[in-house]
């Protein structure tokens, strides 16, 4: 057990520097890998779009059939920021383990590791929303199409603010109860929105093939993307459930007093969630789907005789 200079109990155990260092490296690698993937895929998409669509790209209004490369790339930004926060959180955890009497490193690691998954979730929401639009399947969402992405992202932001505020207050003497309630409220909010989102994802996965509203010329990348999002969402949901139980149990509960639970039910789950997205990103992403959608729109405008030639060139 470690305490701060003010006498407030910080740790119920001696934090492992080695474990924190391992996940610092892992999440730092994710930052570099995903950043590189987004940049490379975007550049390849530009080249492929120029080849497939030609002069159409000169007209900004042509993007009414899809998204600009910039807008697509921005949808992965929160995922990268989430990895940055995870990295910073575990670096602060190392610092706190080496200087257990200092309050600031403890606060940083507590808050950053707590809220980082909310940013990963934000990217998942935005990617899924864009996928529904490109596939013209917004009618399959349980939330009105116009507000689908906004609804889930706003819920995620609310969850993030509650968790961040609660995490900060829990460190201050006299405000631990209020902080605990805020953190629990944030985690429960995240659970509710994630639950609704998972229902939407599964509903889309089941109904889309049955209704046959997706053009076969758009390929099967969307299936890989959706499965990656579903798997990542389930992993983050499990993590959220465990963290909620942790805060309900309190600082003296089993989860809070055993460090292995943090690494198994938070660090490892987030590694698997982010790794699933990063692993499928090179061959199943919004850029691929966007090019296919634009090519299909051009074909519909120019006639079906160009179908095979144009679609064969849509992959990056």
Protein backbone atom coordinates (compact mmCIF):
# COMPACT_ATOMS: atom_id res chain seq x y z
CA UNK A 1 0.00 0.00 0.00
CA UNK A 2 1.26 3.49 -0.91
CA UNK A 3 0.08 6.89 0.29
CA UNK A 4 0.59 10.45 -0.89
CA UNK A 5 2.22 13.17 1.17
CA UNK A 6 -1.24 14.31 2.24
CA UNK A 7 -1.93 10.88 3.69
CA UNK A 8 -4.40 9.80 0.99
CA UNK A 9 -4.11 6.12 0.11
CA UNK A 10 -3.02 5.77 -3.55
CA UNK A 11 -2.17 2.11 -4.07
CA UNK A 12 -3.51 -1.05 -2.43
CA UNK A 13 -0.55 -2.98 -3.88
CA UNK A 14 2.92 -2.37 -5.32
CA UNK A 15 2.39 -1.56 -9.03
CA UNK A 16 4.39 -3.60 -11.53
CA UNK A 17 6.78 -1.42 -13.52
CA UNK A 18 7.49 -4.26 -15.96
CA UNK A 19 3.83 -4.82 -16.88
CA UNK A 20 3.23 -1.09 -17.33
CA UNK A 21 6.34 -0.85 -19.53
CA UNK A 22 5.13 -3.71 -21.75
CA UNK A 23 1.79 -2.04 -22.43
CA UNK A 24 3.45 1.34 -22.90
CA UNK A 25 5.39 -0.18 -25.79
CA UNK A 26 2.33 -2.00 -27.16
CA UNK A 27 0.11 1.09 -27.30
CA UNK A 28 2.95 3.25 -28.62
CA UNK A 29 3.36 0.73 -31.45
CA UNK A 30 -0.37 0.96 -32.12
CA UNK A 31 -0.04 4.75 -32.47
CA UNK A 32 2.71 4.36 -35.06
CA UNK A 33 1.07 1.46 -36.92
CA UNK A 34 -2.43 2.93 -37.21
CA UNK A 35 -1.09 6.37 -38.10
CA UNK A 36 1.05 4.83 -40.85
CA UNK A 37 -1.84 2.67 -42.08
CA UNK A 38 -4.21 5.63 -42.36
CA UNK A 39 -1.64 7.76 -44.23
CA UNK A 40 -0.59 4.99 -46.63
CA UNK A 41 -4.14 3.85 -47.35
CA UNK A 42 -5.27 7.44 -47.93
CA UNK A 43 -2.45 8.08 -50.42
CA UNK A 44 -3.18 4.85 -52.27
CA UNK A 45 -6.85 5.76 -52.31
CA UNK A 46 -6.04 9.08 -53.98
CA UNK A 47 -4.09 7.31 -56.72
CA UNK A 48 -6.81 4.70 -57.24
CA UNK A 49 -9.58 7.30 -57.26
CA UNK A 50 -7.74 9.28 -59.93
CA UNK A 51 -7.36 6.13 -62.03
CA UNK A 52 -10.93 4.93 -61.54
CA UNK A 53 -12.86 8.20 -61.58
CA UNK A 54 -10.61 10.48 -63.61
CA UNK A 55 -11.76 14.07 -64.03
CA UNK A 56 -14.80 13.53 -61.85
CA UNK A 57 -12.53 14.19 -58.86
CA UNK A 58 -12.04 17.77 -60.02
CA UNK A 59 -15.61 18.51 -59.06
CA UNK A 60 -16.17 18.74 -55.30
CA UNK A 61 -19.87 17.98 -55.64
CA UNK A 62 -19.05 14.54 -57.02
CA UNK A 63 -18.30 13.49 -53.44
CA UNK A 64 -22.04 13.52 -52.82
CA UNK A 65 -21.86 9.80 -53.69
CA UNK A 66 -19.18 9.20 -51.06
CA UNK A 67 -16.79 10.88 -48.61
CA UNK A 68 -13.63 12.90 -49.19
CA UNK A 69 -10.39 11.16 -48.24
CA UNK A 70 -9.85 13.70 -45.48
CA UNK A 71 -13.23 12.99 -43.88
CA UNK A 72 -12.58 9.26 -43.93
CA UNK A 73 -9.11 9.60 -42.41
CA UNK A 74 -10.47 11.83 -39.64
CA UNK A 75 -12.81 9.05 -38.55
CA UNK A 76 -9.76 7.09 -37.38
CA UNK A 77 -8.26 10.06 -35.50
CA UNK A 78 -9.99 9.29 -32.19
CA UNK A 79 -8.62 5.75 -32.34
CA UNK A 80 -5.07 7.13 -32.56
CA UNK A 81 -5.71 9.64 -29.77
CA UNK A 82 -7.08 6.82 -27.62
CA UNK A 83 -3.83 4.89 -28.13
CA UNK A 84 -1.85 8.02 -27.22
CA UNK A 85 -3.81 8.32 -23.95
CA UNK A 86 -3.25 4.63 -23.19
CA UNK A 87 0.48 5.13 -23.76
CA UNK A 88 0.60 8.25 -21.59
CA UNK A 89 -1.43 6.48 -18.92
CA UNK A 90 0.97 3.57 -18.61
CA UNK A 91 4.00 5.89 -18.70
CA UNK A 92 2.44 7.79 -15.78
CA UNK A 93 1.80 4.45 -14.06
CA UNK A 94 5.54 3.66 -14.27
CA UNK A 95 6.32 7.09 -12.82
CA UNK A 96 3.78 6.59 -10.04
CA UNK A 97 5.19 3.15 -9.22
CA UNK A 98 8.68 4.64 -8.91
CA UNK A 99 7.44 7.68 -6.96
CA UNK A 100 4.41 6.40 -5.00
CA UNK A 101 4.25 9.50 -2.82
CA UNK A 102 3.53 11.80 -5.79
CA UNK A 103 -0.11 12.52 -6.57
CA UNK A 104 0.03 13.81 -10.17
CA UNK A 105 1.38 10.65 -11.90
CA UNK A 106 -1.26 8.62 -10.07
CA UNK A 107 -4.05 10.97 -11.22
CA UNK A 108 -2.83 10.93 -14.83
CA UNK A 109 -2.61 7.14 -15.04
CA UNK A 110 -6.00 6.71 -13.36
CA UNK A 111 -7.85 9.15 -15.62
CA UNK A 112 -6.10 8.42 -18.93
CA UNK A 113 -6.43 4.64 -18.70
CA UNK A 114 -10.06 5.07 -17.65
CA UNK A 115 -11.15 7.38 -20.49
CA UNK A 116 -8.98 6.15 -23.40
CA UNK A 117 -11.47 3.42 -24.47
CA UNK A 118 -14.14 6.11 -24.95
CA UNK A 119 -12.05 7.58 -27.77
CA UNK A 120 -11.62 4.18 -29.36
CA UNK A 121 -15.39 3.79 -29.13
CA UNK A 122 -15.88 7.17 -30.84
CA UNK A 123 -13.92 5.97 -33.88
CA UNK A 124 -15.93 2.75 -33.96
CA UNK A 125 -19.18 4.74 -33.96
CA UNK A 126 -17.99 7.05 -36.75
CA UNK A 127 -16.65 4.26 -38.97
CA UNK A 128 -19.86 2.25 -38.60
CA UNK A 129 -22.02 5.30 -39.35
CA UNK A 130 -20.03 6.06 -42.51
CA UNK A 131 -20.28 2.42 -43.56
CA UNK A 132 -24.08 2.50 -43.26
CA UNK A 133 -24.21 5.62 -45.43
CA UNK A 134 -21.93 4.20 -48.14
CA UNK A 135 -23.90 0.95 -48.23
CA UNK A 136 -27.21 2.88 -48.20
CA UNK A 137 -28.33 0.85 -45.19
CA UNK A 138 -29.16 3.66 -42.76
CA UNK A 139 -32.72 2.32 -42.58
CA UNK A 140 -31.37 -0.68 -40.65
CA UNK A 141 -30.20 1.49 -37.75
CA UNK A 142 -32.36 1.57 -34.62
CA UNK A 143 -31.50 5.27 -34.37
CA UNK A 144 -32.83 7.65 -37.09
CA UNK A 145 -30.32 7.67 -39.95
CA UNK A 146 -29.73 11.42 -39.82
CA UNK A 147 -28.67 11.28 -36.17
CA UNK A 148 -27.09 7.80 -35.99
CA UNK A 149 -23.43 8.80 -35.61
CA UNK A 150 -24.22 11.98 -33.66
CA UNK A 151 -26.34 10.04 -31.17
CA UNK A 152 -23.66 7.48 -30.30
CA UNK A 153 -20.75 9.94 -30.34
CA UNK A 154 -22.61 12.37 -28.06
CA UNK A 155 -23.33 9.52 -25.65
CA UNK A 156 -19.66 8.61 -25.78
CA UNK A 157 -18.58 12.20 -25.08
CA UNK A 158 -20.97 12.38 -22.12
CA UNK A 159 -19.54 9.12 -20.80
CA UNK A 160 -15.99 10.42 -21.25
CA UNK A 161 -16.69 13.68 -19.39
CA UNK A 162 -18.38 11.88 -16.48
CA UNK A 163 -15.53 9.38 -16.17
CA UNK A 164 -12.84 12.05 -16.41
CA UNK A 165 -14.58 14.25 -13.84
CA UNK A 166 -15.22 11.33 -11.53
CA UNK A 167 -11.67 10.04 -11.84
CA UNK A 168 -10.30 13.46 -10.89
CA UNK A 169 -12.62 13.92 -7.92
CA UNK A 170 -11.90 10.47 -6.50
CA UNK A 171 -8.32 11.52 -5.80
CA UNK A 172 -9.32 14.52 -3.68
CA UNK A 173 -10.04 14.07 0.01
CA UNK A 174 -13.67 14.75 0.84
CA UNK A 175 -14.91 14.24 -2.73
CA UNK A 176 -14.27 10.52 -3.18
CA UNK A 177 -17.96 9.61 -2.95
CA UNK A 178 -19.01 12.21 -5.51
CA UNK A 179 -16.17 11.16 -7.79
CA UNK A 180 -17.11 7.51 -7.47
CA UNK A 181 -20.74 8.26 -8.37
CA UNK A 182 -19.70 10.31 -11.41
CA UNK A 183 -17.32 7.60 -12.63
CA UNK A 184 -19.99 4.92 -12.21
CA UNK A 185 -22.53 7.13 -14.01
CA UNK A 186 -20.05 7.57 -16.87
CA UNK A 187 -19.37 3.85 -17.13
CA UNK A 188 -23.08 2.99 -17.02
CA UNK A 189 -23.73 5.61 -19.72
CA UNK A 190 -21.06 3.95 -21.84
CA UNK A 191 -22.63 0.55 -21.21
CA UNK A 192 -26.07 1.76 -22.32
CA UNK A 193 -24.85 3.38 -25.52
CA UNK A 194 -22.54 0.48 -26.31
CA UNK A 195 -25.39 -1.94 -25.77
CA UNK A 196 -27.61 -0.04 -28.21
CA UNK A 197 -24.75 0.19 -30.66
CA UNK A 198 -24.07 -3.56 -30.53
CA UNK A 199 -27.75 -4.22 -31.19
CA UNK A 200 -27.53 -1.93 -34.22
CA UNK A 201 -24.39 -3.68 -35.50
CA UNK A 202 -25.85 -7.17 -35.13
CA UNK A 203 -29.18 -6.07 -36.60
CA UNK A 204 -27.37 -4.69 -39.63
CA UNK A 205 -25.27 -7.86 -40.00
CA UNK A 206 -28.38 -10.08 -39.93
CA UNK A 207 -30.82 -7.98 -41.97
CA UNK A 208 -28.56 -6.55 -44.70
CA UNK A 209 -28.06 -9.88 -46.56
CA UNK A 210 -31.73 -10.83 -46.16
CA UNK A 211 -33.04 -7.56 -47.58
CA UNK A 212 -30.51 -7.67 -50.43
CA UNK A 213 -30.17 -3.91 -50.46
CA UNK A 214 -26.37 -3.92 -50.78
CA UNK A 215 -25.00 -4.01 -54.33
CA UNK A 216 -22.82 -7.10 -54.90
CA UNK A 217 -20.38 -4.84 -56.73
CA UNK A 218 -19.42 -3.23 -53.42
CA UNK A 219 -17.65 -6.44 -52.47
CA UNK A 220 -17.39 -8.07 -49.04
CA UNK A 221 -15.02 -5.65 -47.31
CA UNK A 222 -17.95 -4.29 -45.33
CA UNK A 223 -18.51 -7.71 -43.73
CA UNK A 224 -14.91 -7.85 -42.50
CA UNK A 225 -15.16 -4.26 -41.27
CA UNK A 226 -18.40 -4.91 -39.42
CA UNK A 227 -17.10 -8.08 -37.77
CA UNK A 228 -13.98 -6.21 -36.66
CA UNK A 229 -16.16 -3.46 -35.17
CA UNK A 230 -18.43 -6.00 -33.44
CA UNK A 231 -15.51 -7.91 -31.91
CA UNK A 232 -13.85 -4.69 -30.74
CA UNK A 233 -17.15 -3.42 -29.31
CA UNK A 234 -17.74 -6.62 -27.35
CA UNK A 235 -14.22 -6.49 -25.88
CA UNK A 236 -14.64 -2.84 -24.84
CA UNK A 237 -18.08 -3.65 -23.41
CA UNK A 238 -16.61 -6.43 -21.24
CA UNK A 239 -13.91 -4.05 -20.06
CA UNK A 240 -16.55 -1.45 -19.21
CA UNK A 241 -18.59 -3.97 -17.19
CA UNK A 242 -15.54 -4.94 -15.12
CA UNK A 243 -14.54 -1.32 -14.51
CA UNK A 244 -18.11 -0.52 -13.43
CA UNK A 245 -18.03 -3.39 -10.93
CA UNK A 246 -14.64 -2.13 -9.71
CA UNK A 247 -16.03 1.32 -8.88
CA UNK A 248 -19.15 -0.13 -7.29
CA UNK A 249 -16.99 -2.38 -5.05
CA UNK A 250 -14.91 0.60 -4.04
CA UNK A 251 -11.21 1.01 -3.32
CA UNK A 252 -11.19 -1.93 -0.92
CA UNK A 253 -12.90 -4.30 -3.36
CA UNK A 254 -11.22 -7.31 -4.97
CA UNK A 255 -10.70 -5.72 -8.40
CA UNK A 256 -9.15 -2.52 -7.02
CA UNK A 257 -6.82 -4.43 -4.69
CA UNK A 258 -5.49 -6.92 -7.27
CA UNK A 259 -3.40 -5.48 -10.09
CA UNK A 260 -3.79 -8.46 -12.41
CA UNK A 261 -7.43 -7.51 -12.98
CA UNK A 262 -6.37 -4.20 -14.58
CA UNK A 263 -4.07 -5.92 -17.06
CA UNK A 264 -6.40 -8.80 -17.90
CA UNK A 265 -9.71 -6.91 -18.07
CA UNK A 266 -8.45 -3.54 -19.29
CA UNK A 267 -5.00 -3.56 -20.89
CA UNK A 268 -5.32 -6.95 -22.62
CA UNK A 269 -8.91 -6.36 -23.73
CA UNK A 270 -8.04 -2.95 -25.18
CA UNK A 271 -4.97 -4.45 -26.88
CA UNK A 272 -7.19 -7.09 -28.50
CA UNK A 273 -9.87 -4.52 -29.46
CA UNK A 274 -7.44 -2.08 -31.06
CA UNK A 275 -5.40 -4.91 -32.57
CA UNK A 276 -8.52 -6.28 -34.29
CA UNK A 277 -9.15 -2.94 -35.99
CA UNK A 278 -5.48 -2.35 -36.84
CA UNK A 279 -5.12 -5.89 -38.20
CA UNK A 280 -8.04 -5.62 -40.62
CA UNK A 281 -7.51 -1.98 -41.60
CA UNK A 282 -5.08 -2.59 -44.52
CA UNK A 283 -7.52 -4.77 -46.48
CA UNK A 284 -10.96 -3.73 -45.18
CA UNK A 285 -11.46 -0.02 -44.61
CA UNK A 286 -13.67 2.94 -45.47
CA UNK A 287 -11.36 4.09 -48.27
CA UNK A 288 -11.91 0.81 -50.17
CA UNK A 289 -15.65 1.01 -49.67
CA UNK A 290 -15.71 4.69 -50.61
CA UNK A 291 -13.92 4.06 -53.92
CA UNK A 292 -16.27 1.18 -54.70
CA UNK A 293 -19.26 3.39 -53.96
CA UNK A 294 -17.98 6.22 -56.18
CA UNK A 295 -17.14 3.80 -58.99
CA UNK A 296 -20.60 2.27 -58.77
CA UNK A 297 -22.18 5.73 -58.91
CA UNK A 298 -20.16 6.57 -62.02
CA UNK A 299 -21.16 3.29 -63.64
CA UNK A 300 -24.84 3.94 -62.93
CA UNK A 301 -24.47 7.33 -64.57
CA UNK A 302 -22.53 6.09 -67.61
CA UNK A 303 -24.24 2.77 -68.20
CA UNK A 304 -23.79 -0.85 -67.17
CA UNK A 305 -21.44 -1.67 -70.07
CA UNK A 306 -18.52 -0.31 -68.02
CA UNK A 307 -19.38 -2.35 -64.94
CA UNK A 308 -16.77 -5.09 -65.00
CA UNK A 309 -13.88 -2.87 -66.07
CA UNK A 310 -14.46 -0.21 -63.42
CA UNK A 311 -15.22 -2.50 -60.51
CA UNK A 312 -12.11 -4.60 -61.10
CA UNK A 313 -9.99 -1.50 -60.40
CA UNK A 314 -11.67 -0.35 -57.22
CA UNK A 315 -9.37 -2.10 -54.71
CA UNK A 316 -6.42 -0.26 -53.26
